[in-house]
């Protein structure tokens, strides 16, 4: 297997990871949370959200690790570290920012306190909590989609903000 073969595999894993990860975030943001917000029983809403989000969280952890490792490898293999100093490669910063934010939430904040905070807050104010969670998901999804669009254009030489 050549270095180019490994690079192609890394790129394929990177793209597949982003598709599963950000696609899942899009589903949770645009389908799951709105459907849950329409459920009249707050206890059942919370139970279903935790069950479904918990399964996706496990998948998201796996694919964010694959996405981060493959992205790091591609930058290393291309010797592309200097791109982080050039404004036309803003999308690389955006990808790292999105990856870092999700990694922080999935591996640090959620296990330490977010899960408990969400459950406590939802017990007191289920409507407000689900509204806040939806807003946070919309913000994260929007930033993620800008990063994906910028990356797709950028790797083809179209520098939107150059």
C-alpha atoms as a PDB file:
ATOM      1  CA  UNK A   1       0.000   0.000   0.000  1.00  0.00           C
ATOM      2  CA  UNK A   2       1.428   3.365  -1.007  1.00  0.00           C
ATOM      3  CA  UNK A   3       1.341   6.641   0.893  1.00  0.00           C
ATOM      4  CA  UNK A   4      -1.205   7.892  -1.652  1.00  0.00           C
ATOM      5  CA  UNK A   5      -3.448   4.882  -0.943  1.00  0.00           C
ATOM      6  CA  UNK A   6      -3.324   5.644   2.779  1.00  0.00           C
ATOM      7  CA  UNK A   7      -4.143   9.292   2.080  1.00  0.00           C
ATOM      8  CA  UNK A   8      -7.151   8.303  -0.057  1.00  0.00           C
ATOM      9  CA  UNK A   9      -8.379   5.970   2.703  1.00  0.00           C
ATOM     10  CA  UNK A  10      -7.944   8.778   5.258  1.00  0.00           C
ATOM     11  CA  UNK A  11      -9.929  11.172   3.074  1.00  0.00           C
ATOM     12  CA  UNK A  12     -12.682   8.602   2.571  1.00  0.00           C
ATOM     13  CA  UNK A  13     -12.885   7.961   6.319  1.00  0.00           C
ATOM     14  CA  UNK A  14     -12.909  11.712   6.944  1.00  0.00           C
ATOM     15  CA  UNK A  15     -15.801  12.337   4.564  1.00  0.00           C
ATOM     16  CA  UNK A  16     -17.765   9.317   5.819  1.00  0.00           C
ATOM     17  CA  UNK A  17     -17.240  10.463   9.406  1.00  0.00           C
ATOM     18  CA  UNK A  18     -18.490  13.962   8.613  1.00  0.00           C
ATOM     19  CA  UNK A  19     -21.523  12.589   6.777  1.00  0.00           C
ATOM     20  CA  UNK A  20     -22.562  10.354   9.687  1.00  0.00           C
ATOM     21  CA  UNK A  21     -21.728  12.947  12.368  1.00  0.00           C
ATOM     22  CA  UNK A  22     -23.156  16.144  10.861  1.00  0.00           C
ATOM     23  CA  UNK A  23     -26.002  14.222   9.226  1.00  0.00           C
ATOM     24  CA  UNK A  24     -26.911  12.925  12.674  1.00  0.00           C
ATOM     25  CA  UNK A  25     -26.743  16.409  14.124  1.00  0.00           C
ATOM     26  CA  UNK A  26     -29.030  17.601  11.314  1.00  0.00           C
ATOM     27  CA  UNK A  27     -31.522  14.815  12.108  1.00  0.00           C
ATOM     28  CA  UNK A  28     -31.501  15.563  15.831  1.00  0.00           C
ATOM     29  CA  UNK A  29     -31.845  19.313  15.184  1.00  0.00           C
ATOM     30  CA  UNK A  30     -34.472  19.351  12.453  1.00  0.00           C
ATOM     31  CA  UNK A  31     -36.496  16.187  13.133  1.00  0.00           C
ATOM     32  CA  UNK A  32     -36.009  14.690  16.596  1.00  0.00           C
ATOM     33  CA  UNK A  33     -36.101  17.768  18.819  1.00  0.00           C
ATOM     34  CA  UNK A  34     -39.054  19.409  17.015  1.00  0.00           C
ATOM     35  CA  UNK A  35     -41.012  16.126  17.227  1.00  0.00           C
ATOM     36  CA  UNK A  36     -40.191  15.752  20.918  1.00  0.00           C
ATOM     37  CA  UNK A  37     -41.237  19.333  21.639  1.00  0.00           C
ATOM     38  CA  UNK A  38     -44.718  18.458  20.350  1.00  0.00           C
ATOM     39  CA  UNK A  39     -45.092  15.522  22.771  1.00  0.00           C
ATOM     40  CA  UNK A  40     -47.514  16.474  25.554  1.00  0.00           C
ATOM     41  CA  UNK A  41     -46.035  14.225  28.256  1.00  0.00           C
ATOM     42  CA  UNK A  42     -42.811  15.856  29.526  1.00  0.00           C
ATOM     43  CA  UNK A  43     -41.612  12.667  31.259  1.00  0.00           C
ATOM     44  CA  UNK A  44     -41.997  10.541  28.126  1.00  0.00           C
ATOM     45  CA  UNK A  45     -40.370  13.298  26.063  1.00  0.00           C
ATOM     46  CA  UNK A  46     -37.343  13.312  28.355  1.00  0.00           C
ATOM     47  CA  UNK A  47     -37.115   9.512  28.434  1.00  0.00           C
ATOM     48  CA  UNK A  48     -37.269   9.223  24.637  1.00  0.00           C
ATOM     49  CA  UNK A  49     -34.784  12.050  24.109  1.00  0.00           C
ATOM     50  CA  UNK A  50     -32.247  10.486  26.452  1.00  0.00           C
ATOM     51  CA  UNK A  51     -32.667   7.065  24.850  1.00  0.00           C
ATOM     52  CA  UNK A  52     -32.280   8.292  21.261  1.00  0.00           C
ATOM     53  CA  UNK A  53     -29.678  10.977  21.927  1.00  0.00           C
ATOM     54  CA  UNK A  54     -27.674   8.479  23.990  1.00  0.00           C
ATOM     55  CA  UNK A  55     -27.439   6.058  21.065  1.00  0.00           C
ATOM     56  CA  UNK A  56     -26.438   8.849  18.708  1.00  0.00           C
ATOM     57  CA  UNK A  57     -23.907  10.160  21.224  1.00  0.00           C
ATOM     58  CA  UNK A  58     -22.047   6.853  21.075  1.00  0.00           C
ATOM     59  CA  UNK A  59     -21.951   6.995  17.273  1.00  0.00           C
ATOM     60  CA  UNK A  60     -20.927  10.662  17.344  1.00  0.00           C
ATOM     61  CA  UNK A  61     -18.040   9.905  19.701  1.00  0.00           C
ATOM     62  CA  UNK A  62     -16.751   7.202  17.382  1.00  0.00           C
ATOM     63  CA  UNK A  63     -17.023   9.256  14.188  1.00  0.00           C
ATOM     64  CA  UNK A  64     -15.585  12.433  15.717  1.00  0.00           C
ATOM     65  CA  UNK A  65     -12.509  10.407  16.706  1.00  0.00           C
ATOM     66  CA  UNK A  66     -12.225   8.981  13.175  1.00  0.00           C
ATOM     67  CA  UNK A  67     -12.812  12.410  11.631  1.00  0.00           C
ATOM     68  CA  UNK A  68     -10.243  14.102  13.870  1.00  0.00           C
ATOM     69  CA  UNK A  69      -7.582  11.418  13.359  1.00  0.00           C
ATOM     70  CA  UNK A  70      -8.049  11.301   9.595  1.00  0.00           C
ATOM     71  CA  UNK A  71      -8.053  15.108   9.338  1.00  0.00           C
ATOM     72  CA  UNK A  72      -4.871  15.352  11.386  1.00  0.00           C
ATOM     73  CA  UNK A  73      -3.252  12.681   9.222  1.00  0.00           C
ATOM     74  CA  UNK A  74      -4.178  14.474   5.990  1.00  0.00           C
ATOM     75  CA  UNK A  75      -2.734  17.786   7.202  1.00  0.00           C
ATOM     76  CA  UNK A  76       0.411  15.952   8.335  1.00  0.00           C
ATOM     77  CA  UNK A  77       0.753  13.948   5.102  1.00  0.00           C
ATOM     78  CA  UNK A  78       0.329  17.054   2.947  1.00  0.00           C
ATOM     79  CA  UNK A  79       2.612  19.140   5.131  1.00  0.00           C
ATOM     80  CA  UNK A  80      -0.223  21.642   5.159  1.00  0.00           C
ATOM     81  CA  UNK A  81       0.295  23.203   8.573  1.00  0.00           C
ATOM     82  CA  UNK A  82       1.045  26.599   7.007  1.00  0.00           C
ATOM     83  CA  UNK A  83      -2.517  26.741   5.707  1.00  0.00           C
ATOM     84  CA  UNK A  84      -3.581  27.622   9.232  1.00  0.00           C
ATOM     85  CA  UNK A  85      -1.740  30.943   8.800  1.00  0.00           C
ATOM     86  CA  UNK A  86      -3.523  31.938   5.585  1.00  0.00           C
ATOM     87  CA  UNK A  87      -6.992  33.552   5.568  1.00  0.00           C
ATOM     88  CA  UNK A  88      -8.117  31.793   2.375  1.00  0.00           C
ATOM     89  CA  UNK A  89      -7.968  28.524   4.317  1.00  0.00           C
ATOM     90  CA  UNK A  90     -10.476  29.796   6.925  1.00  0.00           C
ATOM     91  CA  UNK A  91     -12.466  26.617   6.382  1.00  0.00           C
ATOM     92  CA  UNK A  92      -9.678  24.553   7.959  1.00  0.00           C
ATOM     93  CA  UNK A  93      -9.982  26.666  11.094  1.00  0.00           C
ATOM     94  CA  UNK A  94     -13.759  26.211  10.939  1.00  0.00           C
ATOM     95  CA  UNK A  95     -13.432  22.427  10.665  1.00  0.00           C
ATOM     96  CA  UNK A  96     -11.071  22.286  13.641  1.00  0.00           C
ATOM     97  CA  UNK A  97     -13.354  24.603  15.631  1.00  0.00           C
ATOM     98  CA  UNK A  98     -16.414  22.443  14.923  1.00  0.00           C
ATOM     99  CA  UNK A  99     -14.492  19.261  15.716  1.00  0.00           C
ATOM    100  CA  UNK A 100     -13.092  20.738  18.938  1.00  0.00           C
ATOM    101  CA  UNK A 101     -16.512  22.007  20.075  1.00  0.00           C
ATOM    102  CA  UNK A 102     -18.219  18.659  19.534  1.00  0.00           C
ATOM    103  CA  UNK A 103     -15.304  16.735  21.037  1.00  0.00           C
ATOM    104  CA  UNK A 104     -15.388  18.952  24.112  1.00  0.00           C
ATOM    105  CA  UNK A 105     -19.144  18.488  24.505  1.00  0.00           C
ATOM    106  CA  UNK A 106     -19.153  14.729  23.839  1.00  0.00           C
ATOM    107  CA  UNK A 107     -16.099  13.708  25.849  1.00  0.00           C
ATOM    108  CA  UNK A 108     -15.849  16.338  28.600  1.00  0.00           C
ATOM    109  CA  UNK A 109     -18.890  18.534  29.220  1.00  0.00           C
ATOM    110  CA  UNK A 110     -21.625  15.952  28.697  1.00  0.00           C
ATOM    111  CA  UNK A 111     -20.179  13.327  31.053  1.00  0.00           C
ATOM    112  CA  UNK A 112     -19.104  15.873  33.672  1.00  0.00           C
ATOM    113  CA  UNK A 113     -22.250  17.963  33.984  1.00  0.00           C
ATOM    114  CA  UNK A 114     -24.356  18.586  30.853  1.00  0.00           C
ATOM    115  CA  UNK A 115     -26.332  15.362  31.151  1.00  0.00           C
ATOM    116  CA  UNK A 116     -27.203  16.045  34.798  1.00  0.00           C
ATOM    117  CA  UNK A 117     -27.876  19.752  34.119  1.00  0.00           C
ATOM    118  CA  UNK A 118     -30.230  18.872  31.250  1.00  0.00           C
ATOM    119  CA  UNK A 119     -32.188  16.353  33.336  1.00  0.00           C
ATOM    120  CA  UNK A 120     -32.492  18.749  36.317  1.00  0.00           C
ATOM    121  CA  UNK A 121     -33.502  21.704  34.167  1.00  0.00           C
ATOM    122  CA  UNK A 122     -35.970  19.649  32.114  1.00  0.00           C
ATOM    123  CA  UNK A 123     -37.616  18.502  35.355  1.00  0.00           C
ATOM    124  CA  UNK A 124     -38.291  22.125  36.312  1.00  0.00           C
ATOM    125  CA  UNK A 125     -38.915  23.692  32.884  1.00  0.00           C
ATOM    126  CA  UNK A 126     -39.308  21.095  30.126  1.00  0.00           C
ATOM    127  CA  UNK A 127     -40.520  23.560  27.467  1.00  0.00           C
ATOM    128  CA  UNK A 128     -37.745  26.070  28.098  1.00  0.00           C
ATOM    129  CA  UNK A 129     -35.112  23.351  28.277  1.00  0.00           C
ATOM    130  CA  UNK A 130     -36.070  21.763  24.966  1.00  0.00           C
ATOM    131  CA  UNK A 131     -36.269  25.216  23.358  1.00  0.00           C
ATOM    132  CA  UNK A 132     -32.739  25.987  24.608  1.00  0.00           C
ATOM    133  CA  UNK A 133     -31.423  22.614  23.458  1.00  0.00           C
ATOM    134  CA  UNK A 134     -32.941  23.191  20.026  1.00  0.00           C
ATOM    135  CA  UNK A 135     -31.374  26.658  19.762  1.00  0.00           C
ATOM    136  CA  UNK A 136     -27.958  25.250  20.746  1.00  0.00           C
ATOM    137  CA  UNK A 137     -28.315  22.492  18.155  1.00  0.00           C
ATOM    138  CA  UNK A 138     -29.344  24.985  15.451  1.00  0.00           C
ATOM    139  CA  UNK A 139     -26.268  27.118  16.181  1.00  0.00           C
ATOM    140  CA  UNK A 140     -23.921  24.106  16.128  1.00  0.00           C
ATOM    141  CA  UNK A 141     -25.524  22.710  12.971  1.00  0.00           C
ATOM    142  CA  UNK A 142     -25.307  26.091  11.207  1.00  0.00           C
ATOM    143  CA  UNK A 143     -21.625  26.490  12.019  1.00  0.00           C
ATOM    144  CA  UNK A 144     -21.015  22.893  10.960  1.00  0.00           C
ATOM    145  CA  UNK A 145     -22.728  23.383   7.596  1.00  0.00           C
ATOM    146  CA  UNK A 146     -20.741  26.556   6.911  1.00  0.00           C
ATOM    147  CA  UNK A 147     -17.539  24.615   7.665  1.00  0.00           C
ATOM    148  CA  UNK A 148     -18.574  21.733   5.388  1.00  0.00           C
ATOM    149  CA  UNK A 149     -19.537  24.066   2.525  1.00  0.00           C
ATOM    150  CA  UNK A 150     -16.321  26.041   2.935  1.00  0.00           C
ATOM    151  CA  UNK A 151     -14.234  22.860   2.987  1.00  0.00           C
ATOM    152  CA  UNK A 152     -15.879  21.405  -0.117  1.00  0.00           C
ATOM    153  CA  UNK A 153     -15.292  24.662  -2.001  1.00  0.00           C
ATOM    154  CA  UNK A 154     -11.824  25.175  -0.515  1.00  0.00           C
ATOM    155  CA  UNK A 155     -10.406  21.782  -1.432  1.00  0.00           C
ATOM    156  CA  UNK A 156     -11.417  22.534  -5.019  1.00  0.00           C
ATOM    157  CA  UNK A 157      -9.628  25.902  -4.976  1.00  0.00           C
ATOM    158  CA  UNK A 158     -12.653  28.153  -4.489  1.00  0.00           C
ATOM    159  CA  UNK A 159     -11.753  30.526  -1.690  1.00  0.00           C
ATOM    160  CA  UNK A 160     -14.951  32.271  -0.652  1.00  0.00           C
ATOM    161  CA  UNK A 161     -13.335  34.764   1.730  1.00  0.00           C
ATOM    162  CA  UNK A 162      -9.941  35.144   0.058  1.00  0.00           C
END
